Amino acid sequence: MNIWKRNAVIATVALFVSVAVFLNWSYGRGGSEPTHGDYVLFEDTMTGRVLSGDFETGGYGAQTAETGILDSSGYFATARLNRQHARDTALTILRETAARPTATDDLRGRADEEIGAIAQNALAEARIESLVIAKGFMDCVAFLYDGGADLVVASPPEGLQAVDVARMADIIISETGLRMENITIVPIG
């Protein structure tokens, strides 16, 4: 019976971590693909910005209530906030699971491994973002998940060129060891 409980706790932790990773990934990809002409608004209560996506024209970003001017920096701030919230939730669940008096050494070890993996992803995401910005892009946000990476980048007015995509992919590959087919680069702006 003790083995069943241990496996149930491990499965529950794995489920919660998977849900957190999925939410992180779906926020990075924008969730399900809207149909042609859809328009979505989200209000960032911390900054007072309204995040929007006009899927007919491909414009994304944020606009302030005062000016109504579209600003993609609000998207990046909100994406980072959502990513951090999902990560914090997963870490809380893992820590609580490991701290239970009934947790076995194996369960504690697995929880510690997951916490370490989350920390490594957070560091790699920060390095990727810093290096992409150092290459001259205004802003970006990286999302790493099991076996893949998404990078959302503020597109220059002339759009992303093939050489830009290659530079960003090279950064992600060097930081993560992923293959090109597991990397998605999404321009916005």
Protein backbone atom coordinates (compact mmCIF):
# COMPACT_ATOMS: atom_id res chain seq x y z
CA MET A 1 0.00 0.00 0.00
CA ASN A 2 2.91 2.35 0.76
CA ILE A 3 4.27 1.94 -2.78
CA TRP A 4 0.85 2.80 -4.21
CA LYS A 5 0.71 6.02 -2.16
CA ARG A 6 4.23 6.96 -3.21
CA ASN A 7 3.41 6.37 -6.88
CA ALA A 8 0.18 8.34 -6.55
CA VAL A 9 2.06 11.31 -5.05
CA ILE A 10 4.72 11.11 -7.78
CA ALA A 11 2.04 10.97 -10.47
CA THR A 12 0.25 13.95 -8.92
CA VAL A 13 3.45 16.00 -8.78
CA ALA A 14 4.25 15.07 -12.36
CA LEU A 15 0.74 16.07 -13.40
CA PHE A 16 1.01 19.47 -11.70
CA VAL A 17 4.44 20.12 -13.20
CA SER A 18 3.15 19.09 -16.62
CA VAL A 19 0.17 21.43 -16.29
CA ALA A 20 2.46 24.30 -15.24
CA VAL A 21 4.79 23.63 -18.18
CA PHE A 22 1.83 23.42 -20.56
CA LEU A 23 0.41 26.71 -19.28
CA ASN A 24 3.83 28.31 -19.65
CA TRP A 25 4.09 26.98 -23.18
CA SER A 26 0.56 27.96 -24.15
CA TYR A 27 1.01 31.51 -22.84
CA GLY A 28 4.18 31.74 -24.91
CA ARG A 29 2.45 30.52 -28.03
CA GLY A 30 -0.68 32.57 -27.41
CA GLY A 31 -2.87 29.54 -26.68
CA SER A 32 -5.05 28.25 -29.48
CA GLU A 33 -4.73 29.88 -32.86
CA PRO A 34 -7.44 32.49 -33.37
CA THR A 35 -9.31 32.59 -36.62
CA HIS A 36 -8.86 35.29 -39.24
CA GLY A 37 -10.10 38.63 -37.97
CA ASP A 38 -10.19 37.77 -34.25
CA TYR A 39 -9.19 40.49 -31.81
CA VAL A 40 -8.32 39.79 -28.21
CA LEU A 41 -7.84 42.16 -25.27
CA PHE A 42 -6.29 41.52 -21.86
CA GLU A 43 -5.82 44.11 -19.16
CA ASP A 44 -2.57 44.14 -17.21
CA THR A 45 -3.78 45.40 -13.85
CA MET A 46 -0.24 46.19 -12.66
CA THR A 47 0.65 48.58 -15.50
CA GLY A 48 -2.80 49.68 -16.65
CA ARG A 49 -2.01 48.52 -20.18
CA VAL A 50 -4.43 46.69 -22.40
CA LEU A 51 -2.75 43.79 -24.17
CA SER A 52 -4.14 43.14 -27.59
CA GLY A 53 -3.67 40.96 -30.61
CA ASP A 54 -5.10 41.81 -33.99
CA PHE A 55 -4.82 38.49 -35.77
CA GLU A 56 -6.05 39.85 -39.09
CA THR A 57 -3.07 42.19 -39.46
CA GLY A 58 -0.65 40.22 -37.30
CA GLY A 59 -0.15 43.12 -34.89
CA TYR A 60 0.31 42.31 -31.23
CA GLY A 61 1.15 44.40 -28.27
CA ALA A 62 -0.22 46.65 -25.60
CA GLN A 63 -1.84 50.00 -25.62
CA THR A 64 -2.13 52.40 -22.76
CA ALA A 65 -5.57 53.58 -21.79
CA GLU A 66 -4.46 57.22 -22.04
CA THR A 67 -2.86 57.19 -25.49
CA GLY A 68 -4.24 54.10 -27.20
CA ILE A 69 -0.79 53.62 -28.78
CA LEU A 70 0.18 50.03 -29.44
CA ASP A 71 3.28 48.96 -27.50
CA SER A 72 4.62 45.40 -27.66
CA SER A 73 6.67 45.85 -24.46
CA GLY A 74 3.49 45.22 -22.46
CA TYR A 75 3.23 41.81 -24.08
CA PHE A 76 6.75 40.90 -22.99
CA ALA A 77 6.18 42.08 -19.41
CA THR A 78 2.95 40.13 -19.16
CA ALA A 79 4.48 37.01 -20.75
CA ARG A 80 7.34 37.09 -18.24
CA LEU A 81 4.88 37.56 -15.40
CA ASN A 82 2.76 34.62 -16.57
CA ARG A 83 5.86 32.46 -17.03
CA GLN A 84 7.07 33.31 -13.53
CA HIS A 85 3.64 32.62 -12.04
CA ALA A 86 3.51 29.16 -13.66
CA ARG A 87 7.05 28.44 -12.48
CA ASP A 88 6.31 29.61 -8.92
CA THR A 89 3.22 27.43 -8.79
CA ALA A 90 5.17 24.37 -9.88
CA LEU A 91 7.95 25.09 -7.36
CA THR A 92 5.45 25.51 -4.54
CA ILE A 93 3.82 22.19 -5.33
CA LEU A 94 7.19 20.43 -5.53
CA ARG A 95 8.43 21.93 -2.26
CA GLU A 96 5.20 21.07 -0.44
CA THR A 97 5.34 17.52 -1.76
CA ALA A 98 8.95 17.06 -0.67
CA ALA A 99 8.22 18.54 2.76
CA ARG A 100 5.41 16.11 3.57
CA PRO A 101 6.25 13.84 6.49
CA THR A 102 5.07 10.84 4.46
CA ALA A 103 7.33 11.63 1.50
CA THR A 104 9.88 8.96 0.75
CA ASP A 105 13.53 9.66 -0.03
CA ASP A 106 12.85 8.72 -3.65
CA LEU A 107 10.02 11.24 -3.88
CA ARG A 108 12.14 13.94 -2.27
CA GLY A 109 14.93 13.17 -4.73
CA ARG A 110 12.59 13.43 -7.71
CA ALA A 111 11.16 16.70 -6.41
CA ASP A 112 14.68 18.08 -5.98
CA GLU A 113 15.52 17.01 -9.54
CA GLU A 114 12.42 18.80 -10.87
CA ILE A 115 13.27 21.93 -8.87
CA GLY A 116 16.79 21.82 -10.32
CA ALA A 117 15.44 21.43 -13.84
CA ILE A 118 13.11 24.40 -13.38
CA ALA A 119 16.01 26.49 -12.10
CA GLN A 120 18.20 25.46 -15.06
CA ASN A 121 15.41 26.38 -17.51
CA ALA A 122 14.97 29.76 -15.81
CA LEU A 123 18.68 30.50 -16.12
CA ALA A 124 18.79 29.36 -19.75
CA GLU A 125 15.73 31.48 -20.60
CA ALA A 126 17.38 34.54 -19.02
CA ARG A 127 20.64 33.91 -20.92
CA ILE A 128 18.79 33.45 -24.21
CA GLU A 129 16.81 36.65 -23.70
CA SER A 130 19.94 38.62 -22.77
CA LEU A 131 21.90 37.35 -25.76
CA VAL A 132 19.08 38.01 -28.24
CA ILE A 133 18.70 41.56 -26.93
CA ALA A 134 22.48 41.97 -27.14
CA LYS A 135 22.20 41.11 -30.85
CA GLY A 136 20.17 44.29 -31.33
CA PHE A 137 16.56 43.23 -30.85
CA MET A 138 14.35 45.46 -28.71
CA ASP A 139 12.86 42.73 -26.53
CA CYS A 140 12.08 39.02 -26.41
CA VAL A 141 10.83 36.32 -24.10
CA ALA A 142 11.97 32.70 -24.15
CA PHE A 143 9.97 29.66 -23.07
CA LEU A 144 11.80 26.38 -22.54
CA TYR A 145 9.89 23.17 -22.05
CA ASP A 146 10.70 19.50 -22.22
CA GLY A 147 12.26 18.97 -25.63
CA GLY A 148 11.56 22.37 -27.15
CA ALA A 149 11.85 26.14 -27.02
CA ASP A 150 9.76 29.08 -28.14
CA LEU A 151 11.16 32.57 -28.57
CA VAL A 152 8.84 35.52 -29.02
CA VAL A 153 10.78 38.52 -30.32
CA ALA A 154 9.92 42.13 -31.07
CA SER A 155 10.22 42.33 -34.82
CA PRO A 156 12.05 45.28 -36.38
CA PRO A 157 9.98 47.49 -38.72
CA GLU A 158 11.38 45.71 -41.78
CA GLY A 159 10.51 42.32 -40.31
CA LEU A 160 12.74 39.41 -39.38
CA GLN A 161 15.28 38.39 -41.97
CA ALA A 162 16.61 34.86 -42.39
CA VAL A 163 19.94 35.90 -40.89
CA ASP A 164 18.09 37.21 -37.79
CA VAL A 165 16.28 33.92 -37.33
CA ALA A 166 19.56 32.02 -37.76
CA ARG A 167 21.27 34.15 -35.10
CA MET A 168 18.46 33.60 -32.62
CA ALA A 169 18.27 29.87 -33.34
CA ASP A 170 22.04 29.61 -32.89
CA ILE A 171 21.75 31.23 -29.46
CA ILE A 172 18.98 28.82 -28.41
CA ILE A 173 20.86 25.80 -29.75
CA SER A 174 24.07 26.79 -27.97
CA GLU A 175 22.26 27.36 -24.66
CA THR A 176 20.01 24.30 -24.75
CA GLY A 177 21.44 21.76 -27.17
CA LEU A 178 18.07 21.50 -28.90
CA ARG A 179 17.70 20.76 -32.58
CA MET A 180 16.36 23.38 -34.97
CA GLU A 181 13.09 21.51 -35.56
CA ASN A 182 12.30 21.85 -31.84
CA ILE A 183 12.64 25.64 -31.84
CA THR A 184 9.88 28.11 -32.71
CA ILE A 185 10.63 31.80 -33.24
CA VAL A 186 7.59 34.09 -33.23
CA PRO A 187 7.97 37.73 -34.31
CA ILE A 188 5.52 40.31 -32.98
CA GLY A 189 5.17 44.01 -33.52
